[in-house]
Amino acid sequence: MENVLILGASGGIGSALTAACRAQGADVTGLSRSVDGFDITDENSVSDHLGRLDGPFDRVIVATGALEIDGAEPEKTIKAISQKAMMDQFALNAVGPALVLRHAHDLLPRKGRSVMAVLSARVGSIGDNRMGGWISYRAAKAAVNQVVHTAAIELARTHNENVLVALHPGTVQTPFTAKYLGRHPAVPAAEAAENLLRVMEGLSPEHTGGFYDWAGKEVVW
């Protein structure tokens, strides 16, 4: 039986991933802020919660994150930048996953295949940016991509069968994204979860440190 850890398990994508993994017969441990008091933006909270876990885990998914924090909407232009809003984005979407990855060596088995995925976003791609806007969110996601890539290099030295990647889930229908969907195609959270799990199943150590979308295609940095 696969042992799975999902962080952000009560969110739209996180809860769907939890259900999908359990449907596959996995033993799932879920942590979230609303249910367990797991605050990925707080160093002590991350260390305390992860330190109490009974691992190792065959699969770890960091499904935390937010597009809006404390009512601050994505900026339409650089003129709308707020120091607090930008710092909040980095704390949640970049620093938080980095704090989790600090514990990756203890969460994952040293022998045998394992997968650790951090949910990112295509808008974090610098090369794919053609529209501008959303500066704080874009920058935080670009930062977490760098964190994942760097951590994967280091983790491979001791866990050579591990795959650590950043994944773009596509545009997902959740309460948090509803007003931003517009004419953009979106999929239900359950479908997004199935897509992500399918991608994870197809990954091998040669993919570690990469950035992939919901269909398994590599996303440009």
N, C-alpha and C. Protein backbone atom coordinates (compact mmCIF):
# COMPACT_ATOMS: atom_id res chain seq x y z
N MET A 1 0.84 -1.20 0.00
CA MET A 1 0.00 0.00 0.00
C MET A 1 0.88 1.25 0.00
N GLU A 2 0.55 2.17 -0.89
CA GLU A 2 1.33 3.40 -0.98
C GLU A 2 1.02 4.32 0.19
N ASN A 3 2.07 4.92 0.74
CA ASN A 3 1.94 5.84 1.85
C ASN A 3 2.08 7.26 1.30
N VAL A 4 1.02 8.08 1.43
CA VAL A 4 0.97 9.40 0.79
C VAL A 4 0.77 10.49 1.83
N LEU A 5 1.50 11.59 1.66
CA LEU A 5 1.32 12.78 2.49
C LEU A 5 0.87 13.92 1.60
N ILE A 6 -0.24 14.56 1.98
CA ILE A 6 -0.76 15.70 1.22
C ILE A 6 -0.85 16.91 2.15
N LEU A 7 -0.14 17.96 1.79
CA LEU A 7 -0.16 19.19 2.57
C LEU A 7 -1.07 20.19 1.86
N GLY A 8 -2.01 20.75 2.63
CA GLY A 8 -3.06 21.56 2.03
C GLY A 8 -4.23 20.67 1.66
N ALA A 9 -4.46 19.64 2.48
CA ALA A 9 -5.42 18.59 2.15
C ALA A 9 -6.88 19.02 2.19
N SER A 10 -7.17 20.18 2.78
CA SER A 10 -8.57 20.62 2.85
C SER A 10 -8.95 21.59 1.73
N GLY A 11 -7.97 21.99 0.92
CA GLY A 11 -8.25 22.93 -0.17
C GLY A 11 -8.94 22.25 -1.33
N GLY A 12 -9.26 23.04 -2.36
CA GLY A 12 -9.98 22.50 -3.51
C GLY A 12 -9.24 21.36 -4.19
N ILE A 13 -7.99 21.59 -4.56
CA ILE A 13 -7.20 20.56 -5.21
C ILE A 13 -6.73 19.53 -4.19
N GLY A 14 -6.33 20.00 -3.02
CA GLY A 14 -5.84 19.09 -1.99
C GLY A 14 -6.86 18.04 -1.57
N SER A 15 -8.11 18.45 -1.38
CA SER A 15 -9.15 17.50 -0.99
C SER A 15 -9.45 16.52 -2.11
N ALA A 16 -9.39 17.00 -3.36
CA ALA A 16 -9.61 16.11 -4.50
C ALA A 16 -8.47 15.11 -4.63
N LEU A 17 -7.24 15.54 -4.40
CA LEU A 17 -6.10 14.63 -4.43
C LEU A 17 -6.20 13.59 -3.32
N THR A 18 -6.65 14.03 -2.16
CA THR A 18 -6.83 13.10 -1.04
C THR A 18 -7.83 12.01 -1.39
N ALA A 19 -8.97 12.42 -1.95
CA ALA A 19 -10.00 11.46 -2.33
C ALA A 19 -9.50 10.51 -3.41
N ALA A 20 -8.79 11.06 -4.41
CA ALA A 20 -8.31 10.23 -5.52
C ALA A 20 -7.27 9.22 -5.06
N CYS A 21 -6.38 9.63 -4.18
CA CYS A 21 -5.36 8.70 -3.67
C CYS A 21 -6.00 7.60 -2.83
N ARG A 22 -6.97 7.96 -2.02
CA ARG A 22 -7.65 6.94 -1.21
C ARG A 22 -8.44 5.97 -2.09
N ALA A 23 -9.00 6.49 -3.18
CA ALA A 23 -9.74 5.63 -4.11
C ALA A 23 -8.81 4.62 -4.77
N GLN A 24 -7.53 4.96 -4.87
CA GLN A 24 -6.54 4.06 -5.43
C GLN A 24 -5.98 3.07 -4.40
N GLY A 25 -6.47 3.21 -3.15
CA GLY A 25 -6.04 2.30 -2.11
C GLY A 25 -4.86 2.77 -1.29
N ALA A 26 -4.47 4.02 -1.45
CA ALA A 26 -3.33 4.55 -0.71
C ALA A 26 -3.71 4.89 0.73
N ASP A 27 -2.73 4.84 1.61
CA ASP A 27 -2.89 5.29 2.99
C ASP A 27 -2.49 6.75 3.01
N VAL A 28 -3.45 7.65 3.19
CA VAL A 28 -3.21 9.08 3.04
C VAL A 28 -3.17 9.79 4.39
N THR A 29 -2.13 10.57 4.59
CA THR A 29 -2.04 11.48 5.73
C THR A 29 -2.20 12.88 5.17
N GLY A 30 -3.15 13.63 5.71
CA GLY A 30 -3.39 14.97 5.21
C GLY A 30 -3.19 16.01 6.30
N LEU A 31 -2.60 17.12 5.95
CA LEU A 31 -2.44 18.24 6.88
C LEU A 31 -2.95 19.51 6.22
N SER A 32 -3.64 20.33 7.00
CA SER A 32 -4.10 21.62 6.48
C SER A 32 -4.18 22.61 7.63
N ARG A 33 -4.25 23.86 7.26
CA ARG A 33 -4.34 24.90 8.28
C ARG A 33 -5.68 24.87 8.98
N SER A 34 -6.75 24.71 8.22
CA SER A 34 -8.09 24.80 8.80
C SER A 34 -8.43 23.62 9.70
N VAL A 35 -7.90 22.46 9.39
CA VAL A 35 -8.23 21.26 10.16
C VAL A 35 -7.19 20.94 11.23
N ASP A 36 -5.92 21.06 10.87
CA ASP A 36 -4.85 20.60 11.77
C ASP A 36 -4.00 21.73 12.34
N GLY A 37 -4.23 22.96 11.91
CA GLY A 37 -3.41 24.06 12.37
C GLY A 37 -2.04 24.10 11.71
N PHE A 38 -1.90 23.40 10.59
CA PHE A 38 -0.63 23.39 9.86
C PHE A 38 -0.50 24.68 9.07
N ASP A 39 0.42 25.53 9.47
CA ASP A 39 0.62 26.82 8.81
C ASP A 39 1.95 26.78 8.07
N ILE A 40 1.88 26.64 6.76
CA ILE A 40 3.10 26.49 5.96
C ILE A 40 3.93 27.77 5.94
N THR A 41 3.35 28.88 6.36
CA THR A 41 4.11 30.13 6.40
C THR A 41 4.84 30.32 7.73
N ASP A 42 4.67 29.40 8.65
CA ASP A 42 5.29 29.50 9.96
C ASP A 42 6.32 28.38 10.14
N GLU A 43 7.56 28.75 10.31
CA GLU A 43 8.66 27.78 10.39
C GLU A 43 8.46 26.76 11.51
N ASN A 44 8.02 27.22 12.66
CA ASN A 44 7.82 26.32 13.79
C ASN A 44 6.67 25.35 13.55
N SER A 45 5.60 25.85 12.93
CA SER A 45 4.46 25.00 12.63
C SER A 45 4.85 23.89 11.66
N VAL A 46 5.61 24.24 10.64
CA VAL A 46 6.06 23.24 9.66
C VAL A 46 6.93 22.19 10.33
N SER A 47 7.90 22.63 11.13
CA SER A 47 8.80 21.69 11.79
C SER A 47 8.07 20.80 12.78
N ASP A 48 7.17 21.39 13.54
CA ASP A 48 6.43 20.62 14.55
C ASP A 48 5.55 19.55 13.91
N HIS A 49 4.77 19.95 12.92
CA HIS A 49 3.83 19.01 12.29
C HIS A 49 4.57 17.91 11.51
N LEU A 50 5.56 18.29 10.73
CA LEU A 50 6.27 17.29 9.94
C LEU A 50 7.11 16.39 10.83
N GLY A 51 7.60 16.94 11.93
CA GLY A 51 8.41 16.14 12.86
C GLY A 51 7.63 15.06 13.57
N ARG A 52 6.31 15.22 13.63
CA ARG A 52 5.47 14.23 14.32
C ARG A 52 4.94 13.13 13.39
N LEU A 53 5.24 13.23 12.12
CA LEU A 53 4.70 12.27 11.15
C LEU A 53 5.42 10.93 11.21
N ASP A 54 4.68 9.89 10.88
CA ASP A 54 5.22 8.54 10.84
C ASP A 54 5.49 8.16 9.39
N GLY A 55 6.65 8.56 8.88
CA GLY A 55 7.00 8.27 7.49
C GLY A 55 7.83 7.01 7.39
N PRO A 56 8.55 6.80 6.33
CA PRO A 56 8.62 7.69 5.18
C PRO A 56 7.40 7.55 4.27
N PHE A 57 7.28 8.48 3.30
CA PHE A 57 6.15 8.50 2.40
C PHE A 57 6.61 8.23 0.96
N ASP A 58 5.84 7.40 0.27
CA ASP A 58 6.15 7.11 -1.13
C ASP A 58 5.83 8.30 -2.03
N ARG A 59 4.89 9.12 -1.56
CA ARG A 59 4.50 10.29 -2.35
C ARG A 59 4.16 11.43 -1.40
N VAL A 60 4.72 12.60 -1.68
CA VAL A 60 4.43 13.80 -0.90
C VAL A 60 3.97 14.88 -1.88
N ILE A 61 2.82 15.48 -1.60
CA ILE A 61 2.27 16.51 -2.49
C ILE A 61 2.04 17.78 -1.68
N VAL A 62 2.67 18.86 -2.12
CA VAL A 62 2.46 20.16 -1.48
C VAL A 62 1.41 20.90 -2.30
N ALA A 63 0.18 20.89 -1.80
CA ALA A 63 -0.96 21.45 -2.53
C ALA A 63 -1.45 22.75 -1.89
N THR A 64 -0.59 23.39 -1.13
CA THR A 64 -0.94 24.67 -0.52
C THR A 64 -0.79 25.79 -1.55
N GLY A 65 -1.27 26.98 -1.21
CA GLY A 65 -1.11 28.12 -2.10
C GLY A 65 -2.39 28.90 -2.24
N ALA A 66 -2.26 30.13 -2.74
CA ALA A 66 -3.43 30.98 -2.93
C ALA A 66 -3.12 32.06 -3.95
N LEU A 67 -4.14 32.44 -4.68
CA LEU A 67 -4.02 33.52 -5.65
C LEU A 67 -4.31 34.86 -4.98
N GLU A 68 -5.25 34.84 -4.03
CA GLU A 68 -5.58 36.03 -3.24
C GLU A 68 -5.24 35.76 -1.79
N ILE A 69 -4.62 36.72 -1.13
CA ILE A 69 -4.32 36.61 0.29
C ILE A 69 -4.79 37.90 0.97
N ASP A 70 -5.62 37.74 1.99
CA ASP A 70 -6.17 38.89 2.73
C ASP A 70 -6.83 39.91 1.81
N GLY A 71 -7.52 39.39 0.79
CA GLY A 71 -8.28 40.26 -0.10
C GLY A 71 -7.47 40.98 -1.16
N ALA A 72 -6.16 40.75 -1.20
CA ALA A 72 -5.32 41.41 -2.21
C ALA A 72 -5.40 40.64 -3.52
N GLU A 73 -6.01 41.27 -4.52
CA GLU A 73 -6.18 40.63 -5.81
C GLU A 73 -4.91 40.72 -6.65
N PRO A 74 -4.74 39.83 -7.61
CA PRO A 74 -3.57 39.91 -8.50
C PRO A 74 -3.50 41.27 -9.18
N GLU A 75 -2.30 41.84 -9.24
CA GLU A 75 -2.14 43.17 -9.82
C GLU A 75 -2.32 43.14 -11.34
N LYS A 76 -2.96 44.17 -11.85
CA LYS A 76 -3.10 44.29 -13.31
C LYS A 76 -1.88 44.96 -13.92
N THR A 77 -1.11 45.66 -13.08
CA THR A 77 0.05 46.39 -13.57
C THR A 77 1.06 46.55 -12.43
N ILE A 78 2.31 46.78 -12.77
CA ILE A 78 3.36 47.00 -11.77
C ILE A 78 3.04 48.19 -10.87
N LYS A 79 2.22 49.11 -11.37
CA LYS A 79 1.86 50.30 -10.59
C LYS A 79 1.01 49.94 -9.37
N ALA A 80 0.45 48.74 -9.37
CA ALA A 80 -0.43 48.33 -8.27
C ALA A 80 0.30 47.51 -7.20
N ILE A 81 1.63 47.40 -7.30
CA ILE A 81 2.40 46.59 -6.36
C ILE A 81 2.26 47.12 -4.93
N SER A 82 2.06 46.19 -4.01
CA SER A 82 2.04 46.50 -2.58
C SER A 82 3.09 45.62 -1.90
N GLN A 83 3.87 46.23 -1.05
CA GLN A 83 4.92 45.46 -0.36
C GLN A 83 4.33 44.31 0.43
N LYS A 84 3.26 44.58 1.18
CA LYS A 84 2.67 43.53 2.01
C LYS A 84 2.11 42.40 1.16
N ALA A 85 1.38 42.76 0.10
CA ALA A 85 0.77 41.73 -0.74
C ALA A 85 1.84 40.86 -1.38
N MET A 86 2.94 41.48 -1.80
CA MET A 86 4.00 40.71 -2.44
C MET A 86 4.70 39.81 -1.42
N MET A 87 4.97 40.32 -0.24
CA MET A 87 5.60 39.51 0.80
C MET A 87 4.70 38.36 1.21
N ASP A 88 3.39 38.60 1.27
CA ASP A 88 2.45 37.53 1.61
C ASP A 88 2.47 36.42 0.56
N GLN A 89 2.56 36.81 -0.71
CA GLN A 89 2.61 35.83 -1.79
C GLN A 89 3.87 34.97 -1.68
N PHE A 90 4.98 35.61 -1.42
CA PHE A 90 6.23 34.84 -1.29
C PHE A 90 6.20 33.94 -0.07
N ALA A 91 5.64 34.43 1.03
CA ALA A 91 5.59 33.62 2.25
C ALA A 91 4.80 32.34 2.03
N LEU A 92 3.67 32.45 1.36
CA LEU A 92 2.80 31.28 1.17
C LEU A 92 3.24 30.40 0.00
N ASN A 93 3.54 31.02 -1.14
CA ASN A 93 3.74 30.26 -2.37
C ASN A 93 5.19 29.89 -2.67
N ALA A 94 6.14 30.48 -1.96
CA ALA A 94 7.55 30.16 -2.22
C ALA A 94 8.29 29.71 -0.95
N VAL A 95 8.26 30.55 0.08
CA VAL A 95 8.98 30.21 1.31
C VAL A 95 8.36 28.99 1.99
N GLY A 96 7.03 28.92 2.01
CA GLY A 96 6.35 27.79 2.64
C GLY A 96 6.78 26.45 2.08
N PRO A 97 6.68 26.24 0.75
CA PRO A 97 7.15 24.98 0.19
C PRO A 97 8.64 24.73 0.46
N ALA A 98 9.45 25.80 0.50
CA ALA A 98 10.87 25.63 0.82
C ALA A 98 11.05 25.09 2.23
N LEU A 99 10.23 25.57 3.16
CA LEU A 99 10.31 25.07 4.54
C LEU A 99 9.95 23.59 4.59
N VAL A 100 9.00 23.18 3.76
CA VAL A 100 8.64 21.76 3.70
C VAL A 100 9.79 20.95 3.12
N LEU A 101 10.39 21.45 2.04
CA LEU A 101 11.47 20.74 1.38
C LEU A 101 12.69 20.60 2.26
N ARG A 102 12.82 21.46 3.24
CA ARG A 102 13.92 21.32 4.19
C ARG A 102 13.84 19.97 4.92
N HIS A 103 12.63 19.43 5.00
CA HIS A 103 12.43 18.15 5.69
C HIS A 103 12.32 16.96 4.74
N ALA A 104 12.54 17.20 3.44
CA ALA A 104 12.33 16.14 2.45
C ALA A 104 13.17 14.90 2.72
N HIS A 105 14.40 15.09 3.17
CA HIS A 105 15.27 13.95 3.43
C HIS A 105 14.68 12.99 4.47
N ASP A 106 13.91 13.55 5.41
CA ASP A 106 13.32 12.74 6.47
C ASP A 106 11.95 12.18 6.08
N LEU A 107 11.29 12.81 5.12
CA LEU A 107 9.95 12.38 4.73
C LEU A 107 9.96 11.26 3.70
N LEU A 108 11.05 11.14 2.94
CA LEU A 108 11.10 10.22 1.81
C LEU A 108 12.04 9.04 2.08
N PRO A 109 11.75 7.88 1.50
CA PRO A 109 12.63 6.72 1.69
C PRO A 109 13.93 6.91 0.92
N ARG A 110 15.02 6.43 1.49
CA ARG A 110 16.31 6.53 0.80
C ARG A 110 16.43 5.53 -0.33
N LYS A 111 15.71 4.43 -0.22
CA LYS A 111 15.74 3.41 -1.26
C LYS A 111 14.34 3.21 -1.83
N GLY A 112 14.27 2.95 -3.14
CA GLY A 112 12.98 2.75 -3.79
C GLY A 112 12.45 4.05 -4.35
N ARG A 113 11.60 3.93 -5.36
CA ARG A 113 11.06 5.11 -6.03
C ARG A 113 10.12 5.88 -5.12
N SER A 114 10.24 7.19 -5.16
CA SER A 114 9.31 8.07 -4.45
C SER A 114 9.13 9.33 -5.28
N VAL A 115 8.00 9.99 -5.06
CA VAL A 115 7.69 11.22 -5.81
C VAL A 115 7.29 12.31 -4.84
N MET A 116 7.87 13.48 -5.02
CA MET A 116 7.47 14.65 -4.25
C MET A 116 7.12 15.75 -5.25
N ALA A 117 5.89 16.25 -5.17
CA ALA A 117 5.41 17.25 -6.12
C ALA A 117 4.96 18.50 -5.39
N VAL A 118 5.39 19.64 -5.91
CA VAL A 118 4.95 20.94 -5.39
C VAL A 118 4.09 21.59 -6.47
N LEU A 119 2.87 21.94 -6.13
CA LEU A 119 1.99 22.56 -7.12
C LEU A 119 2.45 23.99 -7.38
N SER A 120 2.73 24.26 -8.64
CA SER A 120 3.15 25.58 -9.08
C SER A 120 2.07 26.12 -10.01
N ALA A 121 2.46 26.92 -11.00
CA ALA A 121 1.49 27.47 -11.95
C ALA A 121 2.23 27.91 -13.20
N ARG A 122 1.58 27.76 -14.34
CA ARG A 122 2.21 28.16 -15.60
C ARG A 122 2.55 29.65 -15.61
N VAL A 123 1.77 30.46 -14.89
CA VAL A 123 2.08 31.89 -14.88
C VAL A 123 3.40 32.18 -14.17
N GLY A 124 3.97 31.17 -13.49
CA GLY A 124 5.28 31.33 -12.89
C GLY A 124 6.40 31.17 -13.91
N SER A 125 6.06 30.77 -15.12
CA SER A 125 7.06 30.62 -16.18
C SER A 125 7.45 31.99 -16.71
N ILE A 126 8.75 32.29 -16.70
CA ILE A 126 9.24 33.56 -17.24
C ILE A 126 9.17 33.53 -18.77
N GLY A 127 9.56 32.40 -19.34
CA GLY A 127 9.57 32.30 -20.80
C GLY A 127 8.21 32.30 -21.44
N ASP A 128 7.18 31.92 -20.67
CA ASP A 128 5.83 31.82 -21.21
C ASP A 128 5.01 33.09 -20.97
N ASN A 129 5.61 34.07 -20.31
CA ASN A 129 4.88 35.28 -19.94
C ASN A 129 4.75 36.22 -21.14
N ARG A 130 3.53 36.36 -21.63
CA ARG A 130 3.27 37.24 -22.78
C ARG A 130 2.30 38.37 -22.45
N MET A 131 1.75 38.36 -21.23
CA MET A 131 0.67 39.30 -20.92
C MET A 131 1.00 40.31 -19.83
N GLY A 132 2.00 40.02 -19.00
CA GLY A 132 2.27 40.90 -17.87
C GLY A 132 1.23 40.73 -16.78
N GLY A 133 1.22 41.62 -15.82
CA GLY A 133 0.26 41.54 -14.72
C GLY A 133 0.56 40.42 -13.74
N TRP A 134 -0.21 40.38 -12.68
CA TRP A 134 -0.11 39.33 -11.67
C TRP A 134 1.32 39.19 -11.14
N ILE A 135 1.99 40.31 -10.95
CA ILE A 135 3.42 40.29 -10.68
C ILE A 135 3.80 39.51 -9.42
N SER A 136 3.12 39.75 -8.32
CA SER A 136 3.47 39.09 -7.07
C SER A 136 3.28 37.58 -7.15
N TYR A 137 2.16 37.16 -7.70
CA TYR A 137 1.88 35.72 -7.81
C TYR A 137 2.85 35.07 -8.78
N ARG A 138 3.07 35.72 -9.93
CA ARG A 138 4.01 35.19 -10.92
C ARG A 138 5.41 35.02 -10.30
N ALA A 139 5.86 36.06 -9.61
CA ALA A 139 7.21 36.04 -9.06
C ALA A 139 7.35 34.97 -7.98
N ALA A 140 6.32 34.80 -7.15
CA ALA A 140 6.37 33.78 -6.10
C ALA A 140 6.41 32.38 -6.70
N LYS A 141 5.65 32.16 -7.76
CA LYS A 141 5.65 30.85 -8.40
C LYS A 141 6.96 30.60 -9.15
N ALA A 142 7.53 31.63 -9.75
CA ALA A 142 8.85 31.49 -10.37
C ALA A 142 9.88 31.13 -9.31
N ALA A 143 9.75 31.74 -8.14
CA ALA A 143 10.68 31.46 -7.04
C ALA A 143 10.56 30.02 -6.56
N VAL A 144 9.33 29.54 -6.42
CA VAL A 144 9.18 28.16 -5.93
C VAL A 144 9.69 27.16 -6.97
N ASN A 145 9.60 27.51 -8.25
CA ASN A 145 10.18 26.63 -9.27
C ASN A 145 11.68 26.50 -9.08
N GLN A 146 12.35 27.61 -8.77
CA GLN A 146 13.78 27.58 -8.51
C GLN A 146 14.10 26.77 -7.26
N VAL A 147 13.28 26.93 -6.24
CA VAL A 147 13.45 26.17 -5.00
C VAL A 147 13.37 24.67 -5.28
N VAL A 148 12.36 24.27 -6.04
CA VAL A 148 12.18 22.85 -6.36
C VAL A 148 13.37 22.33 -7.17
N HIS A 149 13.78 23.08 -8.18
CA HIS A 149 14.88 22.63 -9.03
C HIS A 149 16.17 22.45 -8.23
N THR A 150 16.45 23.41 -7.37
CA THR A 150 17.66 23.35 -6.55
C THR A 150 17.60 22.21 -5.54
N ALA A 151 16.46 22.08 -4.86
CA ALA A 151 16.30 21.02 -3.86
C ALA A 151 16.40 19.63 -4.50
N ALA A 152 15.92 19.51 -5.74
CA ALA A 152 15.98 18.22 -6.43
C ALA A 152 17.42 17.79 -6.68
N ILE A 153 18.28 18.75 -7.03
CA ILE A 153 19.69 18.45 -7.24
C ILE A 153 20.32 17.91 -5.96
N GLU A 154 20.03 18.56 -4.86
CA GLU A 154 20.60 18.15 -3.57
C GLU A 154 20.02 16.82 -3.10
N LEU A 155 18.71 16.64 -3.26
CA LEU A 155 18.05 15.43 -2.78
C LEU A 155 18.54 14.20 -3.54
N ALA A 156 18.85 14.37 -4.82
CA ALA A 156 19.29 13.24 -5.65
C ALA A 156 20.60 12.64 -5.16
N ARG A 157 21.38 13.39 -4.41
CA ARG A 157 22.65 12.88 -3.90
C ARG A 157 22.47 11.78 -2.86
N THR A 158 21.35 11.81 -2.17
CA THR A 158 21.09 10.80 -1.13
C THR A 158 19.88 9.93 -1.45
N HIS A 159 19.00 10.41 -2.33
CA HIS A 159 17.77 9.69 -2.68
C HIS A 159 17.71 9.58 -4.21
N ASN A 160 18.54 8.70 -4.77
CA ASN A 160 18.70 8.70 -6.23
C ASN A 160 17.53 8.10 -6.99
N GLU A 161 16.53 7.59 -6.28
CA GLU A 161 15.34 7.09 -6.96
C GLU A 161 14.14 8.00 -6.75
N ASN A 162 14.40 9.14 -6.12
CA ASN A 162 13.32 10.10 -5.89
C ASN A 162 13.12 11.00 -7.11
N VAL A 163 11.87 11.45 -7.27
CA VAL A 163 11.53 12.43 -8.30
C VAL A 163 10.88 13.62 -7.59
N LEU A 164 11.52 14.79 -7.67
CA LEU A 164 10.99 16.01 -7.09
C LEU A 164 10.70 16.99 -8.22
N VAL A 165 9.43 17.38 -8.36
CA VAL A 165 9.04 18.22 -9.49
C VAL A 165 8.07 19.32 -9.07
N ALA A 166 7.98 20.34 -9.91
CA ALA A 166 6.93 21.36 -9.82
C ALA A 166 5.88 20.99 -10.85
N LEU A 167 4.60 21.04 -10.46
CA LEU A 167 3.52 20.66 -11.36
C LEU A 167 2.51 21.78 -11.52
N HIS A 168 2.12 22.01 -12.76
CA HIS A 168 1.04 22.97 -13.07
C HIS A 168 -0.25 22.17 -13.25
N PRO A 169 -1.24 22.36 -12.38
CA PRO A 169 -2.46 21.55 -12.44
C PRO A 169 -3.46 21.96 -13.50
N GLY A 170 -3.17 23.04 -14.23
CA GLY A 170 -4.15 23.58 -15.16
C GLY A 170 -5.05 24.56 -14.42
N THR A 171 -6.02 25.10 -15.11
CA THR A 171 -6.97 26.00 -14.47
C THR A 171 -8.08 25.16 -13.85
N VAL A 172 -8.19 25.25 -12.55
CA VAL A 172 -9.08 24.36 -11.80
C VAL A 172 -10.26 25.15 -11.24
N GLN A 173 -11.43 24.54 -11.32
CA GLN A 173 -12.64 25.18 -10.80
C GLN A 173 -12.69 25.03 -9.28
N THR A 174 -12.37 26.12 -8.58
CA THR A 174 -12.49 26.15 -7.13
C THR A 174 -13.13 27.49 -6.75
N PRO A 175 -13.63 27.63 -5.52
CA PRO A 175 -14.20 28.90 -5.10
C PRO A 175 -13.21 30.07 -5.22
N PHE A 176 -11.92 29.76 -5.10
CA PHE A 176 -10.91 30.82 -5.12
C PHE A 176 -10.60 31.31 -6.53
N THR A 177 -10.87 30.49 -7.54
CA THR A 177 -10.53 30.88 -8.90
C THR A 177 -11.74 31.34 -9.71
N ALA A 178 -12.92 31.19 -9.15
CA ALA A 178 -14.17 31.42 -9.89
C ALA A 178 -14.21 32.77 -10.62
N LYS A 179 -13.83 33.84 -9.94
CA LYS A 179 -13.98 35.16 -10.57
C LYS A 179 -12.86 35.48 -11.56
N TYR A 180 -11.87 34.59 -11.66
CA TYR A 180 -10.76 34.83 -12.59
C TYR A 180 -10.83 33.95 -13.84
N LEU A 181 -11.78 33.05 -13.88
CA LEU A 181 -11.84 32.10 -14.98
C LEU A 181 -12.17 32.77 -16.30
N GLY A 182 -13.20 33.64 -16.30
CA GLY A 182 -13.59 34.31 -17.52
C GLY A 182 -13.87 33.31 -18.62
N ARG A 183 -13.21 33.47 -19.75
CA ARG A 183 -13.40 32.57 -20.88
C ARG A 183 -12.37 31.45 -20.91
N HIS A 184 -11.54 31.40 -19.89
CA HIS A 184 -10.51 30.36 -19.87
C HIS A 184 -11.13 29.01 -19.54
N PRO A 185 -10.77 27.96 -20.27
CA PRO A 185 -11.29 26.63 -19.95
C PRO A 185 -10.76 26.16 -18.61
N ALA A 186 -11.61 25.52 -17.83
CA ALA A 186 -11.22 25.03 -16.51
C ALA A 186 -11.81 23.64 -16.29
N VAL A 187 -11.19 22.90 -15.40
CA VAL A 187 -11.65 21.54 -15.11
C VAL A 187 -12.02 21.43 -13.64
N PRO A 188 -12.95 20.54 -13.30
CA PRO A 188 -13.28 20.32 -11.90
C PRO A 188 -12.06 19.82 -11.14
N ALA A 189 -12.03 20.06 -9.84
CA ALA A 189 -10.89 19.67 -9.03
C ALA A 189 -10.62 18.16 -9.10
N ALA A 190 -11.69 17.37 -9.15
CA ALA A 190 -11.52 15.91 -9.21
C ALA A 190 -10.78 15.48 -10.48
N GLU A 191 -11.10 16.14 -11.59
CA GLU A 191 -10.42 15.82 -12.85
C GLU A 191 -8.97 16.28 -12.81
N ALA A 192 -8.74 17.44 -12.23
CA ALA A 192 -7.37 17.95 -12.10
C ALA A 192 -6.52 16.99 -11.26
N ALA A 193 -7.12 16.47 -10.20
CA ALA A 193 -6.40 15.54 -9.33
C ALA A 193 -6.03 14.27 -10.07
N GLU A 194 -6.94 13.73 -10.84
CA GLU A 194 -6.66 12.53 -11.64
C GLU A 194 -5.53 12.80 -12.64
N ASN A 195 -5.56 13.97 -13.25
CA ASN A 195 -4.52 14.33 -14.21
C ASN A 195 -3.15 14.39 -13.53
N LEU A 196 -3.10 15.02 -12.37
CA LEU A 196 -1.84 15.16 -11.66
C LEU A 196 -1.29 13.81 -11.22
N LEU A 197 -2.15 12.95 -10.73
CA LEU A 197 -1.70 11.63 -10.30
C LEU A 197 -1.18 10.82 -11.48
N ARG A 198 -1.83 10.99 -12.62
CA ARG A 198 -1.39 10.28 -13.83
C ARG A 198 0.01 10.74 -14.24
N VAL A 199 0.25 12.04 -14.14
CA VAL A 199 1.57 12.57 -14.47
C VAL A 199 2.61 12.02 -13.50
N MET A 200 2.30 12.02 -12.22
CA MET A 200 3.24 11.52 -11.21
C MET A 200 3.61 10.06 -11.45
N GLU A 201 2.62 9.29 -11.87
CA GLU A 201 2.87 7.87 -12.11
C GLU A 201 3.84 7.66 -13.27
N GLY A 202 3.88 8.60 -14.20
CA GLY A 202 4.74 8.46 -15.36
C GLY A 202 6.13 9.05 -15.19
N LEU A 203 6.42 9.60 -14.02
CA LEU A 203 7.71 10.23 -13.79
C LEU A 203 8.77 9.22 -13.35
N SER A 204 10.01 9.48 -13.74
CA SER A 204 11.14 8.67 -13.31
C SER A 204 12.24 9.61 -12.84
N PRO A 205 13.28 9.09 -12.19
CA PRO A 205 14.34 9.96 -11.67
C PRO A 205 14.94 10.92 -12.68
N GLU A 206 14.90 10.60 -13.96
CA GLU A 206 15.45 11.51 -14.97
C GLU A 206 14.63 12.78 -15.09
N HIS A 207 13.40 12.76 -14.56
CA HIS A 207 12.54 13.94 -14.62
C HIS A 207 12.72 14.86 -13.41
N THR A 208 13.49 14.42 -12.42
CA THR A 208 13.57 15.19 -11.19
C THR A 208 14.11 16.60 -11.44
N GLY A 209 13.54 17.56 -10.71
CA GLY A 209 13.92 18.95 -10.86
C GLY A 209 13.20 19.68 -11.97
N GLY A 210 12.27 18.99 -12.66
CA GLY A 210 11.57 19.59 -13.78
C GLY A 210 10.28 20.28 -13.42
N PHE A 211 9.69 20.91 -14.41
CA PHE A 211 8.43 21.65 -14.28
C PHE A 211 7.50 21.14 -15.36
N TYR A 212 6.40 20.49 -14.97
CA TYR A 212 5.51 19.83 -15.91
C TYR A 212 4.07 20.26 -15.70
N ASP A 213 3.30 20.20 -16.79
CA ASP A 213 1.89 20.56 -16.68
C ASP A 213 1.03 19.32 -16.44
N TRP A 214 -0.27 19.52 -16.39
CA TRP A 214 -1.22 18.47 -16.06
C TRP A 214 -1.25 17.33 -17.08
N ALA A 215 -0.71 17.59 -18.27
CA ALA A 215 -0.67 16.55 -19.30
C ALA A 215 0.70 15.89 -19.38
N GLY A 216 1.61 16.27 -18.49
CA GLY A 216 2.92 15.69 -18.49
C GLY A 216 3.92 16.38 -19.39
N LYS A 217 3.52 17.51 -19.99
CA LYS A 217 4.42 18.23 -20.89
C LYS A 217 5.28 19.20 -20.09
N GLU A 218 6.55 19.29 -20.47
CA GLU A 218 7.48 20.17 -19.78
C GLU A 218 7.10 21.63 -20.03
N VAL A 219 7.14 22.43 -18.97
CA VAL A 219 6.85 23.86 -19.06
C VAL A 219 8.17 24.62 -19.04
N VAL A 220 8.30 25.59 -19.91
CA VAL A 220 9.53 26.37 -19.99
C VAL A 220 9.72 27.16 -18.70
N TRP A 221 10.95 27.29 -18.26
CA TRP A 221 11.22 28.08 -17.05
C TRP A 221 10.94 29.55 -17.30
